[in-house]
């Protein structure tokens, strides 16, 4: 691609995302809101547009009115499907993986129990010490107001970490609201309470405000894993854009019998990719069309059309029946990757560089696109590194 054409494509993408995230056209500064709006339990958390507020990166649909199908299995990809696709073992380390969401999911533990029982996974409860639920200050109780959109998001996060790492301990930390400062404070609480792997299925637009949050996501001895976004080739999302955060893109994963892997994987059209306007490029990123940080680093299943099974019974803003729901978005891929890192037991030493040093441990995702950039790697699934899927999707735990 000619350099001036490439620059026009990037400029157009940033302008489009500026509108999508509800930001002002000037990327260099953001106004700090003086008060938070009232929680909006009647709308999906993916519809958030306020500057410096997080939106979740999830999409949902439903088949069979939330019930198991005639074979006694839920619609959507099961934990066994994902183990097959990514060659993951069923047992591993007992790492504590923290999931950060906004607002309260009142049914989190009981819904998780149904998912794990249905998937043949061991129990993960408060009673056996596997499951812990905390508020933003690290207290068991005094939880924030429930929100149906974030509750459904949280259910998918819990289910995906469980699918990836049945032996991990899970810590659910609920921020007071979805203001990015609150999300960062909940993240600090998670690390203070001992989590080494942290899953973030949300993001806000880039801006000068984000530097005051960076310490929460780049704490030594931990790895934050974040959704790259669900809006294709656009502006980078915070916290995924930070250099030491592992940014996870999304794929369309489908069964393909008769092939060596048994699965086919392409770029999901919504997978977030971007050139940062703020964060310097890491030395292990060798791509040439972004002078700054390129998003994403790795990828996994995210297309809601071929999505994952999720169990949730709290009232949701989509009008979906309580029970089994099919989920997608990079809110599915990020917690799944976080779970695999936990399964490997590598949370305290894993860094955002690790996949780049172990590329043979990833399936190269070739095919598909998430935008218009003249055939460039920034929005197309090409051989080797590409921005929508990074170095690829996991081939076992070698790159975790």
Foldseek 3Di string as FASTA:
>chain_A
DDLVLLVVVQVVQAQVVCVQQQHDPDFAAGDDDPDDDPDDQQDAQQNHRDAQFKRFFKDWDDDPQQAPDPVLAFPFDALVNQCLLQVADQAFFAAEEEEEFAFDQPCQQVLLQVNCVSRVFDHQHVVVVQEAEAELQRDRDPTAHHHQNRNQLSQLLSNLLCSQHSNYRYYYYYFNGRRNVSRLSSLQSCVVVPHQEYEERIWHFRYPVCVVSVCSQQPAQHEYFYEQHQQAEHGGTPPQQEQFHAYEWAWAKDADPPDPSRIAIAQDQRTYKYAYPDAADDPLDDDDSHRGHIAHAAYYHFDLVNFHWGAGCPDHNVPRHHHIMGMGGSSNTRSNVSSLCVRHVCSRPDTNCLCSVVLVQFDQHAADFHDDSPPDLRTGRHGAARRNGRSHYGNYNRSD
